[in-house]
Amino acid sequence: MLVFEYSVIVYLRSVYVGKQLSDWSVISAVFATSPMIWSLFILNGMSIVWATWVLHAQIVAISKGRLRAYQSYKARSWLSKRQRLMNVVHFFLNKSPHVRDEVSEP
């Protein structure tokens, strides 16, 4: 996703040499001449935000030792930062959670 965003910026800089990409005339020219590029650029940017949000929610659930169920943000975790980090490390090493958060259990 980030490679596509970067390649669009490189492409636009090569097409509009010597002009600022934030200049209104360049922006309007891009909208008029290449609608597919700017629409994919915007949609891809939105998907980067979405993927970051989903990844954050998954890492939070993993850090609390919740591997099989959705974790609500309402439950406060009583695990220390080190315990949560160890849970994430154990997850990526394909081991069982280091410690489970009993407060957030259903």
PDB file of N, CA and C in Angstrom:
ATOM      1  N   MET A   1       0.818  -1.191   0.000  1.00  0.00           N
ATOM      2  CA  MET A   1       0.000   0.000   0.000  1.00  0.00           C
ATOM      3  C   MET A   1       0.866   1.261   0.000  1.00  0.00           C
ATOM      4  N   LEU A   2       1.865   1.238   0.861  1.00  0.00           N
ATOM      5  CA  LEU A   2       2.734   2.416   0.938  1.00  0.00           C
ATOM      6  C   LEU A   2       3.562   2.571  -0.332  1.00  0.00           C
ATOM      7  N   VAL A   3       3.917   1.456  -0.960  1.00  0.00           N
ATOM      8  CA  VAL A   3       4.686   1.525  -2.208  1.00  0.00           C
ATOM      9  C   VAL A   3       3.856   2.183  -3.304  1.00  0.00           C
ATOM     10  N   PHE A   4       2.563   1.870  -3.358  1.00  0.00           N
ATOM     11  CA  PHE A   4       1.702   2.501  -4.360  1.00  0.00           C
ATOM     12  C   PHE A   4       1.610   4.006  -4.109  1.00  0.00           C
ATOM     13  N   GLU A   5       1.406   4.404  -2.859  1.00  0.00           N
ATOM     14  CA  GLU A   5       1.332   5.833  -2.539  1.00  0.00           C
ATOM     15  C   GLU A   5       2.629   6.538  -2.959  1.00  0.00           C
ATOM     16  N   TYR A   6       3.750   5.918  -2.649  1.00  0.00           N
ATOM     17  CA  TYR A   6       5.042   6.496  -3.018  1.00  0.00           C
ATOM     18  C   TYR A   6       5.203   6.574  -4.531  1.00  0.00           C
ATOM     19  N   SER A   7       4.798   5.507  -5.242  1.00  0.00           N
ATOM     20  CA  SER A   7       4.962   5.513  -6.698  1.00  0.00           C
ATOM     21  C   SER A   7       4.077   6.564  -7.365  1.00  0.00           C
ATOM     22  N   VAL A   8       2.897   6.837  -6.808  1.00  0.00           N
ATOM     23  CA  VAL A   8       2.046   7.898  -7.363  1.00  0.00           C
ATOM     24  C   VAL A   8       2.724   9.255  -7.193  1.00  0.00           C
ATOM     25  N   ILE A   9       3.296   9.486  -6.027  1.00  0.00           N
ATOM     26  CA  ILE A   9       3.984  10.761  -5.788  1.00  0.00           C
ATOM     27  C   ILE A   9       5.179  10.907  -6.728  1.00  0.00           C
ATOM     28  N   VAL A  10       5.948   9.827  -6.912  1.00  0.00           N
ATOM     29  CA  VAL A  10       7.089   9.874  -7.842  1.00  0.00           C
ATOM     30  C   VAL A  10       6.608  10.124  -9.264  1.00  0.00           C
ATOM     31  N   TYR A  11       5.522   9.467  -9.664  1.00  0.00           N
ATOM     32  CA  TYR A  11       4.965   9.665 -11.004  1.00  0.00           C
ATOM     33  C   TYR A  11       4.524  11.118 -11.205  1.00  0.00           C
ATOM     34  N   LEU A  12       3.806  11.658 -10.221  1.00  0.00           N
ATOM     35  CA  LEU A  12       3.335  13.042 -10.352  1.00  0.00           C
ATOM     36  C   LEU A  12       4.499  14.029 -10.388  1.00  0.00           C
ATOM     37  N   ARG A  13       5.538  13.760  -9.629  1.00  0.00           N
ATOM     38  CA  ARG A  13       6.721  14.644  -9.673  1.00  0.00           C
ATOM     39  C   ARG A  13       7.432  14.558 -11.012  1.00  0.00           C
ATOM     40  N   SER A  14       7.390  13.381 -11.649  1.00  0.00           N
ATOM     41  CA  SER A  14       8.036  13.266 -12.956  1.00  0.00           C
ATOM     42  C   SER A  14       7.198  13.928 -14.052  1.00  0.00           C
ATOM     43  N   VAL A  15       5.872  13.914 -13.896  1.00  0.00           N
ATOM     44  CA  VAL A  15       5.009  14.547 -14.891  1.00  0.00           C
ATOM     45  C   VAL A  15       5.013  16.058 -14.715  1.00  0.00           C
ATOM     46  N   TYR A  16       4.950  16.525 -13.492  1.00  0.00           N
ATOM     47  CA  TYR A  16       4.898  17.963 -13.199  1.00  0.00           C
ATOM     48  C   TYR A  16       6.241  18.428 -12.634  1.00  0.00           C
ATOM     49  N   VAL A  17       7.266  18.342 -13.462  1.00  0.00           N
ATOM     50  CA  VAL A  17       8.627  18.708 -13.052  1.00  0.00           C
ATOM     51  C   VAL A  17       8.698  20.206 -12.780  1.00  0.00           C
ATOM     52  N   GLY A  18       9.288  20.571 -11.667  1.00  0.00           N
ATOM     53  CA  GLY A  18       9.492  21.971 -11.332  1.00  0.00           C
ATOM     54  C   GLY A  18       8.296  22.654 -10.694  1.00  0.00           C
ATOM     55  N   LYS A  19       7.222  21.936 -10.469  1.00  0.00           N
ATOM     56  CA  LYS A  19       6.039  22.528  -9.847  1.00  0.00           C
ATOM     57  C   LYS A  19       5.801  21.877  -8.492  1.00  0.00           C
ATOM     58  N   GLN A  20       5.227  22.622  -7.587  1.00  0.00           N
ATOM     59  CA  GLN A  20       4.850  22.090  -6.280  1.00  0.00           C
ATOM     60  C   GLN A  20       3.586  21.246  -6.439  1.00  0.00           C
ATOM     61  N   LEU A  21       3.581  20.059  -5.838  1.00  0.00           N
ATOM     62  CA  LEU A  21       2.398  19.202  -5.936  1.00  0.00           C
ATOM     63  C   LEU A  21       1.227  19.761  -5.143  1.00  0.00           C
ATOM     64  N   SER A  22       1.501  20.678  -4.228  1.00  0.00           N
ATOM     65  CA  SER A  22       0.421  21.288  -3.448  1.00  0.00           C
ATOM     66  C   SER A  22      -0.176  22.509  -4.148  1.00  0.00           C
ATOM     67  N   ASP A  23       0.367  22.880  -5.303  1.00  0.00           N
ATOM     68  CA  ASP A  23      -0.157  24.007  -6.067  1.00  0.00           C
ATOM     69  C   ASP A  23      -1.538  23.648  -6.617  1.00  0.00           C
ATOM     70  N   TRP A  24      -2.477  24.567  -6.520  1.00  0.00           N
ATOM     71  CA  TRP A  24      -3.856  24.286  -6.931  1.00  0.00           C
ATOM     72  C   TRP A  24      -3.962  23.941  -8.413  1.00  0.00           C
ATOM     73  N   SER A  25      -3.148  24.546  -9.257  1.00  0.00           N
ATOM     74  CA  SER A  25      -3.214  24.237 -10.688  1.00  0.00           C
ATOM     75  C   SER A  25      -2.782  22.795 -10.961  1.00  0.00           C
ATOM     76  N   VAL A  26      -1.809  22.306 -10.215  1.00  0.00           N
ATOM     77  CA  VAL A  26      -1.367  20.918 -10.369  1.00  0.00           C
ATOM     78  C   VAL A  26      -2.456  19.965  -9.870  1.00  0.00           C
ATOM     79  N   ILE A  27      -3.051  20.285  -8.736  1.00  0.00           N
ATOM     80  CA  ILE A  27      -4.112  19.433  -8.172  1.00  0.00           C
ATOM     81  C   ILE A  27      -5.298  19.357  -9.128  1.00  0.00           C
ATOM     82  N   SER A  28      -5.725  20.491  -9.657  1.00  0.00           N
ATOM     83  CA  SER A  28      -6.858  20.475 -10.589  1.00  0.00           C
ATOM     84  C   SER A  28      -6.503  19.747 -11.884  1.00  0.00           C
ATOM     85  N   ALA A  29      -5.257  19.856 -12.337  1.00  0.00           N
ATOM     86  CA  ALA A  29      -4.836  19.142 -13.547  1.00  0.00           C
ATOM     87  C   ALA A  29      -4.837  17.628 -13.316  1.00  0.00           C
ATOM     88  N   VAL A  30      -4.401  17.201 -12.143  1.00  0.00           N
ATOM     89  CA  VAL A  30      -4.412  15.767 -11.827  1.00  0.00           C
ATOM     90  C   VAL A  30      -5.852  15.256 -11.766  1.00  0.00           C
ATOM     91  N   PHE A  31      -6.754  16.018 -11.138  1.00  0.00           N
ATOM     92  CA  PHE A  31      -8.162  15.618 -11.082  1.00  0.00           C
ATOM     93  C   PHE A  31      -8.764  15.524 -12.483  1.00  0.00           C
ATOM     94  N   ALA A  32      -8.385  16.418 -13.363  1.00  0.00           N
ATOM     95  CA  ALA A  32      -8.983  16.462 -14.701  1.00  0.00           C
ATOM     96  C   ALA A  32      -8.395  15.412 -15.644  1.00  0.00           C
ATOM     97  N   THR A  33      -7.082  15.185 -15.558  1.00  0.00           N
ATOM     98  CA  THR A  33      -6.435  14.329 -16.549  1.00  0.00           C
ATOM     99  C   THR A  33      -6.271  12.876 -16.108  1.00  0.00           C
ATOM    100  N   SER A  34      -6.212  12.614 -14.828  1.00  0.00           N
ATOM    101  CA  SER A  34      -6.012  11.225 -14.392  1.00  0.00           C
ATOM    102  C   SER A  34      -6.873  10.896 -13.173  1.00  0.00           C
ATOM    103  N   PRO A  35      -8.173  10.748 -13.402  1.00  0.00           N
ATOM    104  CA  PRO A  35      -9.066  10.467 -12.273  1.00  0.00           C
ATOM    105  C   PRO A  35      -8.819   9.109 -11.630  1.00  0.00           C
ATOM    106  N   MET A  36      -8.349   8.140 -12.406  1.00  0.00           N
ATOM    107  CA  MET A  36      -8.110   6.819 -11.835  1.00  0.00           C
ATOM    108  C   MET A  36      -6.953   6.867 -10.834  1.00  0.00           C
ATOM    109  N   ILE A  37      -5.931   7.628 -11.150  1.00  0.00           N
ATOM    110  CA  ILE A  37      -4.771   7.715 -10.254  1.00  0.00           C
ATOM    111  C   ILE A  37      -5.158   8.364  -8.935  1.00  0.00           C
ATOM    112  N   TRP A  38      -5.835   9.508  -8.987  1.00  0.00           N
ATOM    113  CA  TRP A  38      -6.140  10.166  -7.720  1.00  0.00           C
ATOM    114  C   TRP A  38      -7.192   9.425  -6.926  1.00  0.00           C
ATOM    115  N   SER A  39      -8.146   8.770  -7.602  1.00  0.00           N
ATOM    116  CA  SER A  39      -9.153   8.019  -6.845  1.00  0.00           C
ATOM    117  C   SER A  39      -8.524   6.801  -6.176  1.00  0.00           C
ATOM    118  N   LEU A  40      -7.626   6.099  -6.870  1.00  0.00           N
ATOM    119  CA  LEU A  40      -6.927   4.975  -6.248  1.00  0.00           C
ATOM    120  C   LEU A  40      -6.003   5.453  -5.136  1.00  0.00           C
ATOM    121  N   PHE A  41      -5.395   6.621  -5.311  1.00  0.00           N
ATOM    122  CA  PHE A  41      -4.528   7.188  -4.284  1.00  0.00           C
ATOM    123  C   PHE A  41      -5.323   7.465  -3.006  1.00  0.00           C
ATOM    124  N   ILE A  42      -6.506   8.046  -3.157  1.00  0.00           N
ATOM    125  CA  ILE A  42      -7.348   8.369  -1.992  1.00  0.00           C
ATOM    126  C   ILE A  42      -7.883   7.089  -1.349  1.00  0.00           C
ATOM    127  N   LEU A  43      -8.386   6.153  -2.155  1.00  0.00           N
ATOM    128  CA  LEU A  43      -8.901   4.895  -1.613  1.00  0.00           C
ATOM    129  C   LEU A  43      -7.807   4.095  -0.920  1.00  0.00           C
ATOM    130  N   ASN A  44      -6.627   4.085  -1.488  1.00  0.00           N
ATOM    131  CA  ASN A  44      -5.510   3.376  -0.882  1.00  0.00           C
ATOM    132  C   ASN A  44      -5.106   4.041   0.432  1.00  0.00           C
ATOM    133  N   GLY A  45      -5.132   5.353   0.484  1.00  0.00           N
ATOM    134  CA  GLY A  45      -4.832   6.052   1.739  1.00  0.00           C
ATOM    135  C   GLY A  45      -5.841   5.711   2.824  1.00  0.00           C
ATOM    136  N   MET A  46      -7.114   5.613   2.439  1.00  0.00           N
ATOM    137  CA  MET A  46      -8.143   5.238   3.409  1.00  0.00           C
ATOM    138  C   MET A  46      -7.953   3.791   3.870  1.00  0.00           C
ATOM    139  N   SER A  47      -7.524   2.921   2.977  1.00  0.00           N
ATOM    140  CA  SER A  47      -7.301   1.529   3.380  1.00  0.00           C
ATOM    141  C   SER A  47      -6.089   1.399   4.288  1.00  0.00           C
ATOM    142  N   ILE A  48      -5.106   2.279   4.146  1.00  0.00           N
ATOM    143  CA  ILE A  48      -3.961   2.277   5.064  1.00  0.00           C
ATOM    144  C   ILE A  48      -4.425   2.632   6.470  1.00  0.00           C
ATOM    145  N   VAL A  49      -5.295   3.631   6.577  1.00  0.00           N
ATOM    146  CA  VAL A  49      -5.838   4.010   7.885  1.00  0.00           C
ATOM    147  C   VAL A  49      -6.633   2.852   8.483  1.00  0.00           C
ATOM    148  N   TRP A  50      -7.480   2.219   7.679  1.00  0.00           N
ATOM    149  CA  TRP A  50      -8.291   1.095   8.157  1.00  0.00           C
ATOM    150  C   TRP A  50      -7.409  -0.068   8.607  1.00  0.00           C
ATOM    151  N   ALA A  51      -6.403  -0.430   7.799  1.00  0.00           N
ATOM    152  CA  ALA A  51      -5.530  -1.554   8.139  1.00  0.00           C
ATOM    153  C   ALA A  51      -4.752  -1.275   9.416  1.00  0.00           C
ATOM    154  N   THR A  52      -4.339  -0.029   9.607  1.00  0.00           N
ATOM    155  CA  THR A  52      -3.632   0.335  10.838  1.00  0.00           C
ATOM    156  C   THR A  52      -4.541   0.195  12.049  1.00  0.00           C
ATOM    157  N   TRP A  53      -5.792   0.613  11.917  1.00  0.00           N
ATOM    158  CA  TRP A  53      -6.750   0.498  13.013  1.00  0.00           C
ATOM    159  C   TRP A  53      -7.016  -0.968  13.360  1.00  0.00           C
ATOM    160  N   VAL A  54      -7.211  -1.818  12.345  1.00  0.00           N
ATOM    161  CA  VAL A  54      -7.470  -3.236  12.574  1.00  0.00           C
ATOM    162  C   VAL A  54      -6.251  -3.906  13.202  1.00  0.00           C
ATOM    163  N   LEU A  55      -5.070  -3.596  12.701  1.00  0.00           N
ATOM    164  CA  LEU A  55      -3.846  -4.176  13.257  1.00  0.00           C
ATOM    165  C   LEU A  55      -3.670  -3.777  14.715  1.00  0.00           C
ATOM    166  N   HIS A  56      -3.962  -2.526  15.040  1.00  0.00           N
ATOM    167  CA  HIS A  56      -3.866  -2.066  16.426  1.00  0.00           C
ATOM    168  C   HIS A  56      -4.820  -2.849  17.323  1.00  0.00           C
ATOM    169  N   ALA A  57      -6.063  -3.036  16.872  1.00  0.00           N
ATOM    170  CA  ALA A  57      -7.039  -3.785  17.667  1.00  0.00           C
ATOM    171  C   ALA A  57      -6.591  -5.231  17.871  1.00  0.00           C
ATOM    172  N   GLN A  58      -5.990  -5.830  16.863  1.00  0.00           N
ATOM    173  CA  GLN A  58      -5.524  -7.208  16.987  1.00  0.00           C
ATOM    174  C   GLN A  58      -4.345  -7.315  17.947  1.00  0.00           C
ATOM    175  N   ILE A  59      -3.413  -6.383  17.863  1.00  0.00           N
ATOM    176  CA  ILE A  59      -2.252  -6.412  18.757  1.00  0.00           C
ATOM    177  C   ILE A  59      -2.692  -6.188  20.201  1.00  0.00           C
ATOM    178  N   VAL A  60      -3.660  -5.308  20.434  1.00  0.00           N
ATOM    179  CA  VAL A  60      -4.170  -5.094  21.796  1.00  0.00           C
ATOM    180  C   VAL A  60      -4.797  -6.375  22.332  1.00  0.00           C
ATOM    181  N   ALA A  61      -5.598  -7.052  21.518  1.00  0.00           N
ATOM    182  CA  ALA A  61      -6.214  -8.311  21.955  1.00  0.00           C
ATOM    183  C   ALA A  61      -5.159  -9.374  22.237  1.00  0.00           C
ATOM    184  N   ILE A  62      -4.152  -9.469  21.379  1.00  0.00           N
ATOM    185  CA  ILE A  62      -3.074 -10.446  21.576  1.00  0.00           C
ATOM    186  C   ILE A  62      -2.302 -10.126  22.846  1.00  0.00           C
ATOM    187  N   SER A  63      -2.044  -8.848  23.090  1.00  0.00           N
ATOM    188  CA  SER A  63      -1.262  -8.478  24.268  1.00  0.00           C
ATOM    189  C   SER A  63      -1.983  -8.809  25.568  1.00  0.00           C
ATOM    190  N   LYS A  64      -3.311  -8.911  25.522  1.00  0.00           N
ATOM    191  CA  LYS A  64      -4.087  -9.271  26.713  1.00  0.00           C
ATOM    192  C   LYS A  64      -4.297 -10.775  26.816  1.00  0.00           C
ATOM    193  N   GLY A  65      -3.733 -11.528  25.886  1.00  0.00           N
ATOM    194  CA  GLY A  65      -3.870 -12.970  25.912  1.00  0.00           C
ATOM    195  C   GLY A  65      -5.175 -13.468  25.333  1.00  0.00           C
ATOM    196  N   ARG A  66      -5.895 -12.628  24.653  1.00  0.00           N
ATOM    197  CA  ARG A  66      -7.189 -12.986  24.050  1.00  0.00           C
ATOM    198  C   ARG A  66      -6.949 -13.381  22.604  1.00  0.00           C
ATOM    199  N   LEU A  67      -6.816 -14.663  22.336  1.00  0.00           N
ATOM    200  CA  LEU A  67      -6.482 -15.114  20.992  1.00  0.00           C
ATOM    201  C   LEU A  67      -7.691 -15.622  20.215  1.00  0.00           C
ATOM    202  N   ARG A  68      -8.817 -15.877  20.875  1.00  0.00           N
ATOM    203  CA  ARG A  68      -9.948 -16.502  20.189  1.00  0.00           C
ATOM    204  C   ARG A  68     -11.205 -15.652  20.166  1.00  0.00           C
ATOM    205  N   ALA A  69     -11.214 -14.512  20.793  1.00  0.00           N
ATOM    206  CA  ALA A  69     -12.441 -13.716  20.874  1.00  0.00           C
ATOM    207  C   ALA A  69     -12.114 -12.240  20.723  1.00  0.00           C
ATOM    208  N   TYR A  70     -13.108 -11.498  20.269  1.00  0.00           N
ATOM    209  CA  TYR A  70     -12.939 -10.055  20.147  1.00  0.00           C
ATOM    210  C   TYR A  70     -12.856  -9.433  21.531  1.00  0.00           C
ATOM    211  N   GLN A  71     -11.933  -8.544  21.725  1.00  0.00           N
ATOM    212  CA  GLN A  71     -11.742  -7.873  23.012  1.00  0.00           C
ATOM    213  C   GLN A  71     -12.343  -6.481  22.956  1.00  0.00           C
ATOM    214  N   SER A  72     -13.245  -6.202  23.829  1.00  0.00           N
ATOM    215  CA  SER A  72     -13.829  -4.872  23.908  1.00  0.00           C
ATOM    216  C   SER A  72     -12.846  -3.926  24.591  1.00  0.00           C
ATOM    217  N   TYR A  73     -12.858  -2.681  24.177  1.00  0.00           N
ATOM    218  CA  TYR A  73     -11.976  -1.697  24.795  1.00  0.00           C
ATOM    219  C   TYR A  73     -12.510  -1.220  26.138  1.00  0.00           C
ATOM    220  N   LYS A  74     -13.724  -1.632  26.502  1.00  0.00           N
ATOM    221  CA  LYS A  74     -14.309  -1.180  27.761  1.00  0.00           C
ATOM    222  C   LYS A  74     -13.615  -1.796  28.964  1.00  0.00           C
ATOM    223  N   ALA A  75     -13.139  -3.012  28.819  1.00  0.00           N
ATOM    224  CA  ALA A  75     -12.492  -3.688  29.943  1.00  0.00           C
ATOM    225  C   ALA A  75     -11.067  -3.165  30.113  1.00  0.00           C
ATOM    226  N   ARG A  76     -10.756  -2.750  31.320  1.00  0.00           N
ATOM    227  CA  ARG A  76      -9.422  -2.239  31.609  1.00  0.00           C
ATOM    228  C   ARG A  76      -8.484  -3.411  31.854  1.00  0.00           C
ATOM    229  N   SER A  77      -7.313  -3.354  31.286  1.00  0.00           N
ATOM    230  CA  SER A  77      -6.329  -4.410  31.453  1.00  0.00           C
ATOM    231  C   SER A  77      -5.457  -4.109  32.670  1.00  0.00           C
ATOM    232  N   TRP A  78      -5.221  -5.121  33.476  1.00  0.00           N
ATOM    233  CA  TRP A  78      -4.367  -4.959  34.651  1.00  0.00           C
ATOM    234  C   TRP A  78      -2.986  -5.545  34.428  1.00  0.00           C
ATOM    235  N   LEU A  79      -2.687  -5.906  33.201  1.00  0.00           N
ATOM    236  CA  LEU A  79      -1.360  -6.425  32.892  1.00  0.00           C
ATOM    237  C   LEU A  79      -0.375  -5.273  32.744  1.00  0.00           C
ATOM    238  N   SER A  80       0.865  -5.529  33.143  1.00  0.00           N
ATOM    239  CA  SER A  80       1.899  -4.508  32.961  1.00  0.00           C
ATOM    240  C   SER A  80       2.296  -4.449  31.484  1.00  0.00           C
ATOM    241  N   LYS A  81       3.013  -3.411  31.111  1.00  0.00           N
ATOM    242  CA  LYS A  81       3.455  -3.270  29.717  1.00  0.00           C
ATOM    243  C   LYS A  81       4.388  -4.415  29.330  1.00  0.00           C
ATOM    244  N   ARG A  82       5.212  -4.838  30.285  1.00  0.00           N
ATOM    245  CA  ARG A  82       6.133  -5.944  30.009  1.00  0.00           C
ATOM    246  C   ARG A  82       5.364  -7.245  29.775  1.00  0.00           C
ATOM    247  N   GLN A  83       4.337  -7.515  30.571  1.00  0.00           N
ATOM    248  CA  GLN A  83       3.531  -8.718  30.384  1.00  0.00           C
ATOM    249  C   GLN A  83       2.813  -8.692  29.035  1.00  0.00           C
ATOM    250  N   ARG A  84       2.298  -7.533  28.672  1.00  0.00           N
ATOM    251  CA  ARG A  84       1.616  -7.417  27.380  1.00  0.00           C
ATOM    252  C   ARG A  84       2.596  -7.612  26.230  1.00  0.00           C
ATOM    253  N   LEU A  85       3.807  -7.049  26.359  1.00  0.00           N
ATOM    254  CA  LEU A  85       4.831  -7.225  25.329  1.00  0.00           C
ATOM    255  C   LEU A  85       5.218  -8.696  25.208  1.00  0.00           C
ATOM    256  N   MET A  86       5.353  -9.372  26.344  1.00  0.00           N
ATOM    257  CA  MET A  86       5.698 -10.796  26.314  1.00  0.00           C
ATOM    258  C   MET A  86       4.593 -11.617  25.651  1.00  0.00           C
ATOM    259  N   ASN A  87       3.337 -11.232  25.842  1.00  0.00           N
ATOM    260  CA  ASN A  87       2.240 -11.919  25.161  1.00  0.00           C
ATOM    261  C   ASN A  87       2.357 -11.779  23.650  1.00  0.00           C
ATOM    262  N   VAL A  88       2.698 -10.590  23.184  1.00  0.00           N
ATOM    263  CA  VAL A  88       2.859 -10.368  21.736  1.00  0.00           C
ATOM    264  C   VAL A  88       4.050 -11.172  21.210  1.00  0.00           C
ATOM    265  N   VAL A  89       5.160 -11.181  21.957  1.00  0.00           N
ATOM    266  CA  VAL A  89       6.340 -11.953  21.540  1.00  0.00           C
ATOM    267  C   VAL A  89       5.997 -13.442  21.486  1.00  0.00           C
ATOM    268  N   HIS A  90       5.307 -13.938  22.497  1.00  0.00           N
ATOM    269  CA  HIS A  90       4.917 -15.353  22.508  1.00  0.00           C
ATOM    270  C   HIS A  90       3.986 -15.677  21.339  1.00  0.00           C
ATOM    271  N   PHE A  91       3.110 -14.752  20.993  1.00  0.00           N
ATOM    272  CA  PHE A  91       2.215 -14.971  19.858  1.00  0.00           C
ATOM    273  C   PHE A  91       3.014 -15.149  18.574  1.00  0.00           C
ATOM    274  N   PHE A  92       3.987 -14.278  18.330  1.00  0.00           N
ATOM    275  CA  PHE A  92       4.760 -14.365  17.096  1.00  0.00           C
ATOM    276  C   PHE A  92       5.728 -15.541  17.094  1.00  0.00           C
ATOM    277  N   LEU A  93       6.041 -16.079  18.272  1.00  0.00           N
ATOM    278  CA  LEU A  93       6.860 -17.286  18.354  1.00  0.00           C
ATOM    279  C   LEU A  93       6.007 -18.548  18.359  1.00  0.00           C
ATOM    280  N   ASN A  94       4.701 -18.390  18.158  1.00  0.00           N
ATOM    281  CA  ASN A  94       3.739 -19.490  18.106  1.00  0.00           C
ATOM    282  C   ASN A  94       3.696 -20.269  19.422  1.00  0.00           C
ATOM    283  N   LYS A  95       3.750 -19.557  20.532  1.00  0.00           N
ATOM    284  CA  LYS A  95       3.636 -20.147  21.858  1.00  0.00           C
ATOM    285  C   LYS A  95       2.334 -19.686  22.488  1.00  0.00           C
ATOM    286  N   SER A  96       1.953 -20.326  23.571  1.00  0.00           N
ATOM    287  CA  SER A  96       0.757 -19.892  24.291  1.00  0.00           C
ATOM    288  C   SER A  96       1.050 -18.564  24.986  1.00  0.00           C
ATOM    289  N   PRO A  97       0.008 -17.799  25.333  1.00  0.00           N
ATOM    290  CA  PRO A  97       0.243 -16.492  25.961  1.00  0.00           C
ATOM    291  C   PRO A  97       1.057 -16.594  27.247  1.00  0.00           C
ATOM    292  N   HIS A  98       1.897 -15.626  27.466  1.00  0.00           N
ATOM    293  CA  HIS A  98       2.739 -15.554  28.660  1.00  0.00           C
ATOM    294  C   HIS A  98       1.862 -15.486  29.924  1.00  0.00           C
ATOM    295  N   VAL A  99       0.881 -14.608  29.901  1.00  0.00           N
ATOM    296  CA  VAL A  99      -0.073 -14.475  31.007  1.00  0.00           C
ATOM    297  C   VAL A  99      -1.386 -13.953  30.421  1.00  0.00           C
ATOM    298  N   ARG A 100      -2.495 -14.409  30.946  1.00  0.00           N
ATOM    299  CA  ARG A 100      -3.804 -13.953  30.470  1.00  0.00           C
ATOM    300  C   ARG A 100      -4.337 -12.862  31.390  1.00  0.00           C
ATOM    301  N   ASP A 101      -5.058 -11.949  30.796  1.00  0.00           N
ATOM    302  CA  ASP A 101      -5.674 -10.866  31.565  1.00  0.00           C
ATOM    303  C   ASP A 101      -7.020 -11.360  32.076  1.00  0.00           C
ATOM    304  N   GLU A 102      -7.093 -11.685  33.347  1.00  0.00           N
ATOM    305  CA  GLU A 102      -8.316 -12.256  33.919  1.00  0.00           C
ATOM    306  C   GLU A 102      -9.448 -11.242  33.990  1.00  0.00           C
ATOM    307  N   VAL A 103      -9.134  -9.950  34.077  1.00  0.00           N
ATOM    308  CA  VAL A 103     -10.172  -8.919  34.172  1.00  0.00           C
ATOM    309  C   VAL A 103     -10.958  -8.834  32.878  1.00  0.00           C
ATOM    310  N   SER A 104     -10.290  -9.003  31.735  1.00  0.00           N
ATOM    311  CA  SER A 104     -10.971  -8.853  30.448  1.00  0.00           C
ATOM    312  C   SER A 104     -11.543 -10.149  29.938  1.00  0.00           C
ATOM    313  N   GLU A 105     -11.450 -11.243  30.679  1.00  0.00           N
ATOM    314  CA  GLU A 105     -12.059 -12.503  30.269  1.00  0.00           C
ATOM    315  C   GLU A 105     -13.578 -12.379  30.305  1.00  0.00           C
ATOM    316  N   PRO A 106     -14.277 -13.041  29.390  1.00  0.00           N
ATOM    317  CA  PRO A 106     -15.739 -12.939  29.372  1.00  0.00           C
ATOM    318  C   PRO A 106     -16.401 -13.638  30.544  1.00  0.00           C
TER     319      PRO A 106
END
